[in-house]
Structures are given as structure tokens and as C-alpha cells.
Amino acid sequence: MTQPIKVIRNGCCSASIFENEIQKNGRMVKVTKVTVHKSFKNGQGWKTTNSFEINDLPKLFFVACKAYDYLTDKKNNQPN
């Protein structure tokens, strides 16, 4: 499994940023994707879900904004 290049957390919510290479029109292209999830603990240990309660939404918004900031800052600082 590919490891994320960056993980941003706020409480139980996190955003993981992945960078993959795909072939497009005969050339390799880097594609960046973000996954979000919520961690919780039950009787069987730690689990994750992509289902959020109303009180999770501000934390989800925060990690999504920080992921966006990270990616746009990274893109703007790349050499031409």
C-alpha cells in the first residue's frame, strides 16, 4: 500500500495526501489525491470510517482546508 506524503489531523478527523503516477496519453503523470476519515475506538480496538457526525464537520473542514493549503503551497513553490 502506498504511504501518504502528508497526514493532517484534528481530533478524530484526518486527511491523508497521496501522490501516485499514472500513464496518460503515453506519458507518466503525477496525480495527487486526498482521503479523509474519522478514527474511533470500540470494543475491538481502533477503527476508521468515512461517515461523519454533525460535530465532526468543523474538524473535517479544518483538515480539508489544511490539505488544500499544503497542496497549493507545494504547487506554487515548484520550480518551472
PDB file of N, CA and C in Angstrom:
ATOM      1  N   MET A   1       0.847  -1.183   0.000  1.00  0.00           N
ATOM      2  CA  MET A   1       0.000   0.000   0.000  1.00  0.00           C
ATOM      3  C   MET A   1       0.889   1.241   0.000  1.00  0.00           C
ATOM      4  N   THR A   2       0.512   2.220  -0.764  1.00  0.00           N
ATOM      5  CA  THR A   2       1.258   3.465  -0.850  1.00  0.00           C
ATOM      6  C   THR A   2       1.121   4.253   0.447  1.00  0.00           C
ATOM      7  N   GLN A   3       2.223   4.821   0.890  1.00  0.00           N
ATOM      8  CA  GLN A   3       2.214   5.649   2.093  1.00  0.00           C
ATOM      9  C   GLN A   3       1.851   7.088   1.722  1.00  0.00           C
ATOM     10  N   PRO A   4       1.108   7.789   2.579  1.00  0.00           N
ATOM     11  CA  PRO A   4       0.787   9.183   2.287  1.00  0.00           C
ATOM     12  C   PRO A   4       2.033  10.055   2.376  1.00  0.00           C
ATOM     13  N   ILE A   5       2.043  11.130   1.586  1.00  0.00           N
ATOM     14  CA  ILE A   5       3.149  12.082   1.662  1.00  0.00           C
ATOM     15  C   ILE A   5       2.937  13.065   2.800  1.00  0.00           C
ATOM     16  N   LYS A   6       1.689  13.163   3.274  1.00  0.00           N
ATOM     17  CA  LYS A   6       1.367  14.076   4.374  1.00  0.00           C
ATOM     18  C   LYS A   6       0.065  13.613   5.012  1.00  0.00           C
ATOM     19  N   VAL A   7       0.001  13.684   6.345  1.00  0.00           N
ATOM     20  CA  VAL A   7      -1.231  13.396   7.083  1.00  0.00           C
ATOM     21  C   VAL A   7      -1.509  14.605   7.971  1.00  0.00           C
ATOM     22  N   ILE A   8      -2.727  15.093   7.903  1.00  0.00           N
ATOM     23  CA  ILE A   8      -3.147  16.248   8.706  1.00  0.00           C
ATOM     24  C   ILE A   8      -4.261  15.775   9.616  1.00  0.00           C
ATOM     25  N   ARG A   9      -4.113  16.046  10.919  1.00  0.00           N
ATOM     26  CA  ARG A   9      -5.099  15.565  11.898  1.00  0.00           C
ATOM     27  C   ARG A   9      -5.681  16.723  12.704  1.00  0.00           C
ATOM     28  N   ASN A  10      -6.933  16.539  13.077  1.00  0.00           N
ATOM     29  CA  ASN A  10      -7.600  17.432  14.023  1.00  0.00           C
ATOM     30  C   ASN A  10      -8.595  16.574  14.793  1.00  0.00           C
ATOM     31  N   GLY A  11      -8.240  16.254  16.023  1.00  0.00           N
ATOM     32  CA  GLY A  11      -9.098  15.382  16.817  1.00  0.00           C
ATOM     33  C   GLY A  11      -9.221  14.027  16.160  1.00  0.00           C
ATOM     34  N   CYS A  12     -10.441  13.581  15.960  1.00  0.00           N
ATOM     35  CA  CYS A  12     -10.689  12.257  15.385  1.00  0.00           C
ATOM     36  C   CYS A  12     -10.629  12.248  13.861  1.00  0.00           C
ATOM     37  N   CYS A  13     -10.545  13.418  13.232  1.00  0.00           N
ATOM     38  CA  CYS A  13     -10.580  13.511  11.774  1.00  0.00           C
ATOM     39  C   CYS A  13      -9.180  13.703  11.202  1.00  0.00           C
ATOM     40  N   SER A  14      -8.946  13.103  10.041  1.00  0.00           N
ATOM     41  CA  SER A  14      -7.657  13.272   9.384  1.00  0.00           C
ATOM     42  C   SER A  14      -7.823  13.274   7.873  1.00  0.00           C
ATOM     43  N   ALA A  15      -6.873  13.940   7.220  1.00  0.00           N
ATOM     44  CA  ALA A  15      -6.774  13.962   5.766  1.00  0.00           C
ATOM     45  C   ALA A  15      -5.401  13.424   5.404  1.00  0.00           C
ATOM     46  N   SER A  16      -5.359  12.432   4.528  1.00  0.00           N
ATOM     47  CA  SER A  16      -4.112  11.848   4.062  1.00  0.00           C
ATOM     48  C   SER A  16      -3.929  12.198   2.596  1.00  0.00           C
ATOM     49  N   ILE A  17      -2.747  12.709   2.269  1.00  0.00           N
ATOM     50  CA  ILE A  17      -2.446  13.136   0.902  1.00  0.00           C
ATOM     51  C   ILE A  17      -1.541  12.088   0.257  1.00  0.00           C
ATOM     52  N   PHE A  18      -1.964  11.598  -0.902  1.00  0.00           N
ATOM     53  CA  PHE A  18      -1.227  10.581  -1.635  1.00  0.00           C
ATOM     54  C   PHE A  18      -0.811  11.127  -2.991  1.00  0.00           C
ATOM     55  N   GLU A  19       0.350  10.696  -3.451  1.00  0.00           N
ATOM     56  CA  GLU A  19       0.832  11.060  -4.774  1.00  0.00           C
ATOM     57  C   GLU A  19       1.106   9.771  -5.535  1.00  0.00           C
ATOM     58  N   ASN A  20       0.445   9.599  -6.669  1.00  0.00           N
ATOM     59  CA  ASN A  20       0.602   8.401  -7.491  1.00  0.00           C
ATOM     60  C   ASN A  20       0.988   8.805  -8.901  1.00  0.00           C
ATOM     61  N   GLU A  21       1.589   7.878  -9.607  1.00  0.00           N
ATOM     62  CA  GLU A  21       1.896   8.101 -11.014  1.00  0.00           C
ATOM     63  C   GLU A  21       0.977   7.235 -11.859  1.00  0.00           C
ATOM     64  N   ILE A  22       0.390   7.853 -12.876  1.00  0.00           N
ATOM     65  CA  ILE A  22      -0.457   7.126 -13.811  1.00  0.00           C
ATOM     66  C   ILE A  22       0.031   7.412 -15.225  1.00  0.00           C
ATOM     67  N   GLN A  23      -0.333   6.533 -16.132  1.00  0.00           N
ATOM     68  CA  GLN A  23       0.019   6.767 -17.521  1.00  0.00           C
ATOM     69  C   GLN A  23      -1.157   7.447 -18.201  1.00  0.00           C
ATOM     70  N   LYS A  24      -0.863   8.581 -18.838  1.00  0.00           N
ATOM     71  CA  LYS A  24      -1.895   9.352 -19.522  1.00  0.00           C
ATOM     72  C   LYS A  24      -1.324   9.818 -20.856  1.00  0.00           C
ATOM     73  N   ASN A  25      -1.991   9.459 -21.925  1.00  0.00           N
ATOM     74  CA  ASN A  25      -1.540   9.818 -23.274  1.00  0.00           C
ATOM     75  C   ASN A  25      -0.098   9.392 -23.522  1.00  0.00           C
ATOM     76  N   GLY A  26       0.261   8.211 -23.032  1.00  0.00           N
ATOM     77  CA  GLY A  26       1.577   7.665 -23.285  1.00  0.00           C
ATOM     78  C   GLY A  26       2.695   8.180 -22.392  1.00  0.00           C
ATOM     79  N   ARG A  27       2.380   9.031 -21.419  1.00  0.00           N
ATOM     80  CA  ARG A  27       3.436   9.506 -20.510  1.00  0.00           C
ATOM     81  C   ARG A  27       2.984   9.381 -19.074  1.00  0.00           C
ATOM     82  N   MET A  28       3.969   9.311 -18.197  1.00  0.00           N
ATOM     83  CA  MET A  28       3.682   9.186 -16.766  1.00  0.00           C
ATOM     84  C   MET A  28       3.369  10.566 -16.189  1.00  0.00           C
ATOM     85  N   VAL A  29       2.271  10.639 -15.425  1.00  0.00           N
ATOM     86  CA  VAL A  29       1.815  11.893 -14.838  1.00  0.00           C
ATOM     87  C   VAL A  29       1.567  11.660 -13.352  1.00  0.00           C
ATOM     88  N   LYS A  30       2.012  12.614 -12.512  1.00  0.00           N
ATOM     89  CA  LYS A  30       1.745  12.512 -11.074  1.00  0.00           C
ATOM     90  C   LYS A  30       0.333  13.008 -10.785  1.00  0.00           C
ATOM     91  N   VAL A  31      -0.393  12.230 -10.002  1.00  0.00           N
ATOM     92  CA  VAL A  31      -1.758  12.581  -9.605  1.00  0.00           C
ATOM     93  C   VAL A  31      -1.796  12.616  -8.081  1.00  0.00           C
ATOM     94  N   THR A  32      -2.317  13.698  -7.541  1.00  0.00           N
ATOM     95  CA  THR A  32      -2.425  13.845  -6.097  1.00  0.00           C
ATOM     96  C   THR A  32      -3.876  13.667  -5.688  1.00  0.00           C
ATOM     97  N   LYS A  33      -4.085  12.862  -4.659  1.00  0.00           N
ATOM     98  CA  LYS A  33      -5.431  12.596  -4.140  1.00  0.00           C
ATOM     99  C   LYS A  33      -5.424  12.763  -2.627  1.00  0.00           C
ATOM    100  N   VAL A  34      -6.583  13.107  -2.085  1.00  0.00           N
ATOM    101  CA  VAL A  34      -6.741  13.279  -0.644  1.00  0.00           C
ATOM    102  C   VAL A  34      -7.863  12.372  -0.172  1.00  0.00           C
ATOM    103  N   THR A  35      -7.591  11.617   0.893  1.00  0.00           N
ATOM    104  CA  THR A  35      -8.639  10.836   1.528  1.00  0.00           C
ATOM    105  C   THR A  35      -8.885  11.407   2.916  1.00  0.00           C
ATOM    106  N   VAL A  36     -10.127  11.345   3.371  1.00  0.00           N
ATOM    107  CA  VAL A  36     -10.467  11.826   4.713  1.00  0.00           C
ATOM    108  C   VAL A  36     -11.162  10.699   5.462  1.00  0.00           C
ATOM    109  N   HIS A  37     -10.898  10.647   6.748  1.00  0.00           N
ATOM    110  CA  HIS A  37     -11.584   9.651   7.556  1.00  0.00           C
ATOM    111  C   HIS A  37     -11.616  10.071   9.014  1.00  0.00           C
ATOM    112  N   LYS A  38     -12.426   9.349   9.751  1.00  0.00           N
ATOM    113  CA  LYS A  38     -12.598   9.571  11.183  1.00  0.00           C
ATOM    114  C   LYS A  38     -12.153   8.298  11.897  1.00  0.00           C
ATOM    115  N   SER A  39     -11.357   8.461  12.954  1.00  0.00           N
ATOM    116  CA  SER A  39     -10.926   7.325  13.772  1.00  0.00           C
ATOM    117  C   SER A  39     -11.789   7.253  15.023  1.00  0.00           C
ATOM    118  N   PHE A  40     -12.085   6.030  15.441  1.00  0.00           N
ATOM    119  CA  PHE A  40     -12.835   5.845  16.683  1.00  0.00           C
ATOM    120  C   PHE A  40     -12.432   4.511  17.295  1.00  0.00           C
ATOM    121  N   LYS A  41     -12.668   4.385  18.572  1.00  0.00           N
ATOM    122  CA  LYS A  41     -12.314   3.158  19.279  1.00  0.00           C
ATOM    123  C   LYS A  41     -13.585   2.477  19.760  1.00  0.00           C
ATOM    124  N   ASN A  42     -13.680   1.181  19.487  1.00  0.00           N
ATOM    125  CA  ASN A  42     -14.796   0.410  20.022  1.00  0.00           C
ATOM    126  C   ASN A  42     -14.226  -0.756  20.826  1.00  0.00           C
ATOM    127  N   GLY A  43     -15.034  -1.702  21.183  1.00  0.00           N
ATOM    128  CA  GLY A  43     -14.591  -2.830  21.993  1.00  0.00           C
ATOM    129  C   GLY A  43     -13.549  -3.707  21.319  1.00  0.00           C
ATOM    130  N   GLN A  44     -13.395  -3.576  20.008  1.00  0.00           N
ATOM    131  CA  GLN A  44     -12.438  -4.390  19.257  1.00  0.00           C
ATOM    132  C   GLN A  44     -11.178  -3.620  18.894  1.00  0.00           C
ATOM    133  N   GLY A  45     -11.035  -2.386  19.361  1.00  0.00           N
ATOM    134  CA  GLY A  45      -9.845  -1.586  19.053  1.00  0.00           C
ATOM    135  C   GLY A  45     -10.175  -0.394  18.169  1.00  0.00           C
ATOM    136  N   TRP A  46      -9.141   0.177  17.551  1.00  0.00           N
ATOM    137  CA  TRP A  46      -9.309   1.365  16.711  1.00  0.00           C
ATOM    138  C   TRP A  46      -9.846   0.997  15.339  1.00  0.00           C
ATOM    139  N   LYS A  47     -10.790   1.799  14.873  1.00  0.00           N
ATOM    140  CA  LYS A  47     -11.417   1.628  13.559  1.00  0.00           C
ATOM    141  C   LYS A  47     -11.427   2.976  12.848  1.00  0.00           C
ATOM    142  N   THR A  48     -11.683   2.956  11.543  1.00  0.00           N
ATOM    143  CA  THR A  48     -11.860   4.195  10.784  1.00  0.00           C
ATOM    144  C   THR A  48     -13.155   4.117   9.997  1.00  0.00           C
ATOM    145  N   THR A  49     -13.697   5.282   9.684  1.00  0.00           N
ATOM    146  CA  THR A  49     -14.915   5.369   8.898  1.00  0.00           C
ATOM    147  C   THR A  49     -14.858   6.635   8.052  1.00  0.00           C
ATOM    148  N   ASN A  50     -15.668   6.680   7.018  1.00  0.00           N
ATOM    149  CA  ASN A  50     -15.817   7.900   6.238  1.00  0.00           C
ATOM    150  C   ASN A  50     -17.208   8.496   6.446  1.00  0.00           C
ATOM    151  N   SER A  51     -17.815   8.139   7.567  1.00  0.00           N
ATOM    152  CA  SER A  51     -19.106   8.673   7.975  1.00  0.00           C
ATOM    153  C   SER A  51     -18.884   9.653   9.131  1.00  0.00           C
ATOM    154  N   PHE A  52     -19.436  10.844   9.011  1.00  0.00           N
ATOM    155  CA  PHE A  52     -19.166  11.909   9.975  1.00  0.00           C
ATOM    156  C   PHE A  52     -20.450  12.395  10.639  1.00  0.00           C
ATOM    157  N   GLU A  53     -20.347  12.682  11.926  1.00  0.00           N
ATOM    158  CA  GLU A  53     -21.457  13.271  12.665  1.00  0.00           C
ATOM    159  C   GLU A  53     -21.375  14.792  12.545  1.00  0.00           C
ATOM    160  N   ILE A  54     -22.447  15.463  12.932  1.00  0.00           N
ATOM    161  CA  ILE A  54     -22.501  16.918  12.791  1.00  0.00           C
ATOM    162  C   ILE A  54     -21.342  17.606  13.520  1.00  0.00           C
ATOM    163  N   ASN A  55     -20.955  17.108  14.692  1.00  0.00           N
ATOM    164  CA  ASN A  55     -19.876  17.736  15.452  1.00  0.00           C
ATOM    165  C   ASN A  55     -18.497  17.450  14.859  1.00  0.00           C
ATOM    166  N   ASP A  56     -18.395  16.491  13.935  1.00  0.00           N
ATOM    167  CA  ASP A  56     -17.134  16.203  13.253  1.00  0.00           C
ATOM    168  C   ASP A  56     -16.877  17.165  12.098  1.00  0.00           C
ATOM    169  N   LEU A  57     -17.925  17.793  11.593  1.00  0.00           N
ATOM    170  CA  LEU A  57     -17.792  18.594  10.375  1.00  0.00           C
ATOM    171  C   LEU A  57     -16.809  19.755  10.493  1.00  0.00           C
ATOM    172  N   PRO A  58     -16.753  20.506  11.615  1.00  0.00           N
ATOM    173  CA  PRO A  58     -15.723  21.550  11.701  1.00  0.00           C
ATOM    174  C   PRO A  58     -14.300  20.978  11.642  1.00  0.00           C
ATOM    175  N   LYS A  59     -14.067  19.821  12.252  1.00  0.00           N
ATOM    176  CA  LYS A  59     -12.749  19.177  12.201  1.00  0.00           C
ATOM    177  C   LYS A  59     -12.445  18.707  10.780  1.00  0.00           C
ATOM    178  N   LEU A  60     -13.454  18.166  10.108  1.00  0.00           N
ATOM    179  CA  LEU A  60     -13.300  17.726   8.728  1.00  0.00           C
ATOM    180  C   LEU A  60     -12.978  18.913   7.828  1.00  0.00           C
ATOM    181  N   PHE A  61     -13.686  20.014   8.027  1.00  0.00           N
ATOM    182  CA  PHE A  61     -13.444  21.237   7.263  1.00  0.00           C
ATOM    183  C   PHE A  61     -12.011  21.722   7.481  1.00  0.00           C
ATOM    184  N   PHE A  62     -11.548  21.690   8.721  1.00  0.00           N
ATOM    185  CA  PHE A  62     -10.197  22.140   9.054  1.00  0.00           C
ATOM    186  C   PHE A  62      -9.149  21.312   8.323  1.00  0.00           C
ATOM    187  N   VAL A  63      -9.248  19.969   8.403  1.00  0.00           N
ATOM    188  CA  VAL A  63      -8.225  19.134   7.767  1.00  0.00           C
ATOM    189  C   VAL A  63      -8.290  19.249   6.243  1.00  0.00           C
ATOM    190  N   ALA A  64      -9.484  19.424   5.696  1.00  0.00           N
ATOM    191  CA  ALA A  64      -9.614  19.600   4.246  1.00  0.00           C
ATOM    192  C   ALA A  64      -8.968  20.919   3.808  1.00  0.00           C
ATOM    193  N   CYS A  65      -9.180  21.985   4.566  1.00  0.00           N
ATOM    194  CA  CYS A  65      -8.567  23.278   4.239  1.00  0.00           C
ATOM    195  C   CYS A  65      -7.052  23.217   4.353  1.00  0.00           C
ATOM    196  N   LYS A  66      -6.540  22.547   5.378  1.00  0.00           N
ATOM    197  CA  LYS A  66      -5.092  22.416   5.551  1.00  0.00           C
ATOM    198  C   LYS A  66      -4.486  21.569   4.429  1.00  0.00           C
ATOM    199  N   ALA A  67      -5.186  20.548   3.987  1.00  0.00           N
ATOM    200  CA  ALA A  67      -4.714  19.741   2.859  1.00  0.00           C
ATOM    201  C   ALA A  67      -4.659  20.594   1.599  1.00  0.00           C
ATOM    202  N   TYR A  68      -5.683  21.392   1.383  1.00  0.00           N
ATOM    203  CA  TYR A  68      -5.707  22.298   0.229  1.00  0.00           C
ATOM    204  C   TYR A  68      -4.548  23.291   0.312  1.00  0.00           C
ATOM    205  N   ASP A  69      -4.345  23.877   1.490  1.00  0.00           N
ATOM    206  CA  ASP A  69      -3.237  24.823   1.675  1.00  0.00           C
ATOM    207  C   ASP A  69      -1.897  24.155   1.374  1.00  0.00           C
ATOM    208  N   TYR A  70      -1.701  22.945   1.876  1.00  0.00           N
ATOM    209  CA  TYR A  70      -0.459  22.212   1.657  1.00  0.00           C
ATOM    210  C   TYR A  70      -0.232  21.985   0.165  1.00  0.00           C
ATOM    211  N   LEU A  71      -1.270  21.531  -0.524  1.00  0.00           N
ATOM    212  CA  LEU A  71      -1.129  21.215  -1.946  1.00  0.00           C
ATOM    213  C   LEU A  71      -0.940  22.456  -2.808  1.00  0.00           C
ATOM    214  N   THR A  72      -1.649  23.525  -2.514  1.00  0.00           N
ATOM    215  CA  THR A  72      -1.489  24.733  -3.328  1.00  0.00           C
ATOM    216  C   THR A  72      -0.162  25.407  -3.032  1.00  0.00           C
ATOM    217  N   ASP A  73       0.309  25.360  -1.781  1.00  0.00           N
ATOM    218  CA  ASP A  73       1.611  25.925  -1.454  1.00  0.00           C
ATOM    219  C   ASP A  73       2.705  25.115  -2.138  1.00  0.00           C
ATOM    220  N   LYS A  74       2.585  23.791  -2.112  1.00  0.00           N
ATOM    221  CA  LYS A  74       3.559  22.916  -2.768  1.00  0.00           C
ATOM    222  C   LYS A  74       3.596  23.190  -4.266  1.00  0.00           C
ATOM    223  N   LYS A  75       2.425  23.333  -4.866  1.00  0.00           N
ATOM    224  CA  LYS A  75       2.349  23.586  -6.310  1.00  0.00           C
ATOM    225  C   LYS A  75       2.952  24.932  -6.667  1.00  0.00           C
ATOM    226  N   ASN A  76       2.674  25.965  -5.859  1.00  0.00           N
ATOM    227  CA  ASN A  76       3.179  27.299  -6.136  1.00  0.00           C
ATOM    228  C   ASN A  76       4.684  27.421  -5.920  1.00  0.00           C
ATOM    229  N   ASN A  77       5.274  26.524  -5.124  1.00  0.00           N
ATOM    230  CA  ASN A  77       6.715  26.581  -4.857  1.00  0.00           C
ATOM    231  C   ASN A  77       7.532  25.637  -5.725  1.00  0.00           C
ATOM    232  N   GLN A  78       6.894  24.944  -6.668  1.00  0.00           N
ATOM    233  CA  GLN A  78       7.646  24.059  -7.569  1.00  0.00           C
ATOM    234  C   GLN A  78       8.375  24.892  -8.600  1.00  0.00           C
ATOM    235  N   PRO A  79       9.600  24.489  -8.958  1.00  0.00           N
ATOM    236  CA  PRO A  79      10.325  25.216  -9.998  1.00  0.00           C
ATOM    237  C   PRO A  79       9.646  25.021 -11.352  1.00  0.00           C
ATOM    238  N   ASN A  80       9.714  26.024 -12.193  1.00  0.00           N
ATOM    239  CA  ASN A  80       9.086  25.960 -13.530  1.00  0.00           C
ATOM    240  C   ASN A  80       9.915  25.157 -14.478  1.00  0.00           C
TER     241      ASN A  80
END
